[in-house]
C-alpha atoms as a PDB file:
ATOM      1  CA  MET A   1     109.895 103.415  43.478  1.00  0.00           C
ATOM      2  CA  GLU A   2     107.116 100.888  43.278  1.00  0.00           C
ATOM      3  CA  ILE A   3     106.090  98.195  45.720  1.00  0.00           C
ATOM      4  CA  GLU A   4     104.200  95.126  44.369  1.00  0.00           C
ATOM      5  CA  ARG A   5     103.842  91.300  44.783  1.00  0.00           C
ATOM      6  CA  ALA A   6     106.851  89.349  43.940  1.00  0.00           C
ATOM      7  CA  VAL A   7     106.645  86.556  41.373  1.00  0.00           C
ATOM      8  CA  PRO A   8     108.796  83.386  41.400  1.00  0.00           C
ATOM      9  CA  ALA A   9     111.368  84.793  38.754  1.00  0.00           C
ATOM     10  CA  ASP A  10     112.319  87.543  41.349  1.00  0.00           C
ATOM     11  CA  ALA A  11     113.670  84.888  43.669  1.00  0.00           C
ATOM     12  CA  GLY A  12     117.362  85.161  42.580  1.00  0.00           C
ATOM     13  CA  GLU A  13     117.253  89.078  42.922  1.00  0.00           C
ATOM     14  CA  ILE A  14     115.498  89.018  46.181  1.00  0.00           C
ATOM     15  CA  LEU A  15     117.907  86.551  47.683  1.00  0.00           C
ATOM     16  CA  THR A  16     120.877  88.753  46.522  1.00  0.00           C
ATOM     17  CA  VAL A  17     119.272  91.748  48.301  1.00  0.00           C
ATOM     18  CA  GLN A  18     118.564  89.645  51.340  1.00  0.00           C
ATOM     19  CA  ARG A  19     122.154  88.337  51.727  1.00  0.00           C
ATOM     20  CA  ALA A  20     123.653  91.818  51.163  1.00  0.00           C
ATOM     21  CA  ALA A  21     121.275  93.179  53.805  1.00  0.00           C
ATOM     22  CA  TYR A  22     121.990  90.408  56.450  1.00  0.00           C
ATOM     23  CA  VAL A  23     125.829  90.716  56.207  1.00  0.00           C
ATOM     24  CA  THR A  24     125.787  93.334  58.829  1.00  0.00           C
ATOM     25  CA  GLU A  25     123.623  91.178  60.967  1.00  0.00           C
ATOM     26  CA  ALA A  26     126.086  88.354  60.576  1.00  0.00           C
ATOM     27  CA  GLN A  27     128.953  90.570  61.619  1.00  0.00           C
ATOM     28  CA  LEU A  28     126.923  91.948  64.628  1.00  0.00           C
ATOM     29  CA  TYR A  29     126.277  88.401  65.980  1.00  0.00           C
ATOM     30  CA  GLY A  30     129.444  86.705  64.792  1.00  0.00           C
ATOM     31  CA  ASP A  31     127.318  84.223  62.837  1.00  0.00           C
ATOM     32  CA  PRO A  32     127.824  83.776  59.123  1.00  0.00           C
ATOM     33  CA  PHE A  33     125.121  81.000  59.050  1.00  0.00           C
ATOM     34  CA  LEU A  34     122.113  83.185  59.931  1.00  0.00           C
ATOM     35  CA  PRO A  35     119.041  81.528  58.082  1.00  0.00           C
ATOM     36  CA  PRO A  36     118.542  84.381  55.690  1.00  0.00           C
ATOM     37  CA  LEU A  37     122.176  83.953  54.557  1.00  0.00           C
ATOM     38  CA  VAL A  38     121.815  80.211  54.039  1.00  0.00           C
ATOM     39  CA  GLU A  39     118.438  80.199  52.388  1.00  0.00           C
ATOM     40  CA  SER A  40     118.416  78.816  48.711  1.00  0.00           C
ATOM     41  CA  MET A  41     116.824  80.323  45.680  1.00  0.00           C
ATOM     42  CA  GLY A  42     114.391  77.363  45.555  1.00  0.00           C
ATOM     43  CA  GLN A  43     113.338  78.062  49.133  1.00  0.00           C
ATOM     44  CA  VAL A  44     112.673  81.814  48.229  1.00  0.00           C
ATOM     45  CA  SER A  45     110.809  80.755  45.110  1.00  0.00           C
ATOM     46  CA  THR A  46     108.545  78.530  47.145  1.00  0.00           C
ATOM     47  CA  THR A  47     107.850  81.196  49.643  1.00  0.00           C
ATOM     48  CA  ILE A  48     106.953  83.669  46.937  1.00  0.00           C
ATOM     49  CA  ARG A  49     104.470  81.074  45.728  1.00  0.00           C
ATOM     50  CA  ASP A  50     103.020  80.255  49.111  1.00  0.00           C
ATOM     51  CA  ALA A  51     103.046  83.538  51.008  1.00  0.00           C
ATOM     52  CA  VAL A  52     102.577  87.251  50.377  1.00  0.00           C
ATOM     53  CA  VAL A  53     106.090  88.472  49.210  1.00  0.00           C
ATOM     54  CA  LEU A  54     106.270  92.094  48.357  1.00  0.00           C
ATOM     55  CA  LYS A  55     109.209  93.689  46.461  1.00  0.00           C
ATOM     56  CA  ALA A  56     110.336  97.338  46.132  1.00  0.00           C
ATOM     57  CA  THR A  57     111.611  98.258  42.752  1.00  0.00           C
ATOM     58  CA  ASP A  58     113.462 101.256  41.553  1.00  0.00           C
ATOM     59  CA  GLU A  59     114.174 101.640  37.837  1.00  0.00           C
ATOM     60  CA  GLY A  60     113.813  97.806  37.529  1.00  0.00           C
ATOM     61  CA  ARG A  61     116.012  96.976  40.345  1.00  0.00           C
ATOM     62  CA  ILE A  62     114.759  95.196  43.382  1.00  0.00           C
ATOM     63  CA  VAL A  63     115.928  97.186  46.309  1.00  0.00           C
ATOM     64  CA  GLY A  64     113.906  95.755  49.118  1.00  0.00           C
ATOM     65  CA  SER A  65     111.480  92.920  50.077  1.00  0.00           C
ATOM     66  CA  VAL A  66     109.260  91.656  52.884  1.00  0.00           C
ATOM     67  CA  ARG A  67     107.263  88.523  53.521  1.00  0.00           C
ATOM     68  CA  GLY A  68     103.930  87.800  55.305  1.00  0.00           C
ATOM     69  CA  ARG A  69     102.135  84.657  56.000  1.00  0.00           C
ATOM     70  CA  LEU A  70      98.784  84.188  57.867  1.00  0.00           C
ATOM     71  CA  SER A  71      98.741  81.968  60.738  1.00  0.00           C
ATOM     72  CA  GLY A  72      95.170  82.130  61.897  1.00  0.00           C
ATOM     73  CA  THR A  73      94.325  85.694  62.224  1.00  0.00           C
ATOM     74  CA  THR A  74      97.985  86.790  62.774  1.00  0.00           C
ATOM     75  CA  CYS A  75     100.458  87.747  59.941  1.00  0.00           C
ATOM     76  CA  LEU A  76     103.916  86.399  60.616  1.00  0.00           C
ATOM     77  CA  VAL A  77     106.220  88.950  59.105  1.00  0.00           C
ATOM     78  CA  GLY A  78     109.719  87.861  57.885  1.00  0.00           C
ATOM     79  CA  ARG A  79     112.747  88.737  56.018  1.00  0.00           C
ATOM     80  CA  LEU A  80     112.253  92.621  55.870  1.00  0.00           C
ATOM     81  CA  VAL A  81     115.239  93.574  53.698  1.00  0.00           C
ATOM     82  CA  VAL A  82     116.511  96.730  52.118  1.00  0.00           C
ATOM     83  CA  ALA A  83     119.635  96.852  49.789  1.00  0.00           C
ATOM     84  CA  PRO A  84     122.496  98.445  51.869  1.00  0.00           C
ATOM     85  CA  ASP A  85     122.789 101.421  49.567  1.00  0.00           C
ATOM     86  CA  ARG A  86     118.993 102.210  50.108  1.00  0.00           C
ATOM     87  CA  GLN A  87     118.842 101.821  53.895  1.00  0.00           C
ATOM     88  CA  ARG A  88     117.698 104.602  56.234  1.00  0.00           C
ATOM     89  CA  ARG A  89     115.464 106.249  53.654  1.00  0.00           C
ATOM     90  CA  GLY A  90     112.107 104.968  54.790  1.00  0.00           C
ATOM     91  CA  LEU A  91     111.959 101.947  52.500  1.00  0.00           C
ATOM     92  CA  GLY A  92     111.553  99.376  55.291  1.00  0.00           C
ATOM     93  CA  ALA A  93     108.686 101.403  56.780  1.00  0.00           C
ATOM     94  CA  ALA A  94     107.073 101.630  53.302  1.00  0.00           C
ATOM     95  CA  LEU A  95     107.341  97.856  52.797  1.00  0.00           C
ATOM     96  CA  LEU A  96     105.789  97.081  56.059  1.00  0.00           C
ATOM     97  CA  ALA A  97     102.946  99.538  55.581  1.00  0.00           C
ATOM     98  CA  ALA A  98     102.275  97.894  52.235  1.00  0.00           C
ATOM     99  CA  LEU A  99     102.224  94.519  53.886  1.00  0.00           C
ATOM    100  CA  HIS A 100      99.762  95.642  56.347  1.00  0.00           C
ATOM    101  CA  GLU A 101      97.634  96.877  53.463  1.00  0.00           C
ATOM    102  CA  GLN A 102      97.932  93.624  51.644  1.00  0.00           C
ATOM    103  CA  LEU A 103      96.656  91.507  54.532  1.00  0.00           C
ATOM    104  CA  PRO A 104      93.705  93.475  55.899  1.00  0.00           C
ATOM    105  CA  GLN A 105      92.148  90.258  57.294  1.00  0.00           C
ATOM    106  CA  ALA A 106      95.018  90.049  59.814  1.00  0.00           C
ATOM    107  CA  ALA A 107      94.116  91.082  63.349  1.00  0.00           C
ATOM    108  CA  ALA A 108      97.784  91.449  64.296  1.00  0.00           C
ATOM    109  CA  PHE A 109     101.345  91.328  62.897  1.00  0.00           C
ATOM    110  CA  ASP A 110     104.239  89.473  64.581  1.00  0.00           C
ATOM    111  CA  LEU A 111     107.912  89.616  63.989  1.00  0.00           C
ATOM    112  CA  PHE A 112     111.235  89.209  65.558  1.00  0.00           C
ATOM    113  CA  THR A 113     114.743  90.520  65.368  1.00  0.00           C
ATOM    114  CA  GLY A 114     117.969  90.066  67.262  1.00  0.00           C
ATOM    115  CA  HIS A 115     118.576  91.968  70.657  1.00  0.00           C
ATOM    116  CA  LEU A 116     121.577  93.834  69.266  1.00  0.00           C
ATOM    117  CA  SER A 117     119.760  95.075  66.130  1.00  0.00           C
ATOM    118  CA  GLU A 118     118.920  98.488  67.516  1.00  0.00           C
ATOM    119  CA  GLY A 119     118.046  99.925  64.136  1.00  0.00           C
ATOM    120  CA  ASN A 120     115.488  97.253  63.446  1.00  0.00           C
ATOM    121  CA  LEU A 121     114.151  97.580  66.967  1.00  0.00           C
ATOM    122  CA  ARG A 122     113.695 101.395  66.632  1.00  0.00           C
ATOM    123  CA  LEU A 123     112.014 101.089  63.151  1.00  0.00           C
ATOM    124  CA  TYR A 124     109.517  98.358  64.477  1.00  0.00           C
ATOM    125  CA  ARG A 125     108.628 100.463  67.715  1.00  0.00           C
ATOM    126  CA  ARG A 126     108.168 103.492  65.621  1.00  0.00           C
ATOM    127  CA  LEU A 127     105.711 101.641  63.436  1.00  0.00           C
ATOM    128  CA  GLY A 128     103.642 100.620  66.605  1.00  0.00           C
ATOM    129  CA  TYR A 129     105.235  97.110  67.279  1.00  0.00           C
ATOM    130  CA  ARG A 130     105.530  96.354  71.065  1.00  0.00           C
ATOM    131  CA  GLU A 131     107.849  93.712  72.459  1.00  0.00           C
ATOM    132  CA  THR A 132     106.069  90.630  73.675  1.00  0.00           C
ATOM    133  CA  ARG A 133     108.700  88.359  74.736  1.00  0.00           C
ATOM    134  CA  ARG A 134     112.319  87.595  74.370  1.00  0.00           C
ATOM    135  CA  GLU A 135     113.835  84.201  73.436  1.00  0.00           C
ATOM    136  CA  ARG A 136     117.429  83.157  74.163  1.00  0.00           C
ATOM    137  CA  MET A 137     118.850  81.191  71.261  1.00  0.00           C
ATOM    138  CA  ASP A 138     122.319  80.932  72.412  1.00  0.00           C
ATOM    139  CA  ASP A 139     125.060  82.775  74.168  1.00  0.00           C
ATOM    140  CA  HIS A 140     125.273  85.518  71.402  1.00  0.00           C
ATOM    141  CA  LEU A 141     121.600  85.801  70.327  1.00  0.00           C
ATOM    142  CA  THR A 142     118.454  86.533  71.990  1.00  0.00           C
ATOM    143  CA  LEU A 143     115.390  86.976  69.613  1.00  0.00           C
ATOM    144  CA  VAL A 144     113.095  89.990  70.549  1.00  0.00           C
ATOM    145  CA  HIS A 145     109.472  89.181  69.470  1.00  0.00           C
ATOM    146  CA  LEU A 146     107.254  92.120  68.658  1.00  0.00           C
ATOM    147  CA  ARG A 147     103.484  92.497  67.773  1.00  0.00           C
ATOM    148  CA  ARG A 148     101.451  95.202  66.189  1.00  0.00           C
ATOM    149  CA  PRO A 149      97.665  95.087  66.276  1.00  0.00           C
ATOM    150  CA  ALA A 150      96.039  95.753  63.056  1.00  0.00           C
ATOM    151  CA  GLU A 151      94.593  99.255  62.361  1.00  0.00           C
ATOM    152  CA  PRO A 152      90.893  99.373  63.345  1.00  0.00           C
ATOM    153  CA  ALA A 153      88.713  99.391  60.179  1.00  0.00           C
ATOM    154  CA  THR A 154      87.460 102.767  59.283  1.00  0.00           C
ATOM    155  CA  GLY A 155      84.283 103.324  57.404  1.00  0.00           C
END
């Protein structure tokens, strides 16, 4: 498996993996209109051009992706997705580690997930992310915001 920067031509395949990965989240929260499920291919393509978007490929197939965008000295992490048939094999952790390496100038990495997404929360906590706040969106969804400081430079 390889992890590398995505190119705009990858947008369709990344969107397909993203939608497949978020179906379980939509079921968990009873909301088929989660932003990752209604994002367009054009929006994904624009993000690939404007941010750091990494893709994991296995024998030419995109099986995962993650996005990062600098805001000051903080990397805003988004849309960590892994194809359903490749989940729970360390791919999400590998994608996040690769994103951390791609943005060495970031002092911290911020992300969020839903309060019921226990698997996501376990992964993020295992990788050094700590909860910073909760944001109630509506009756069925509270976002859990997490932060991980960047690793100190070694030299």
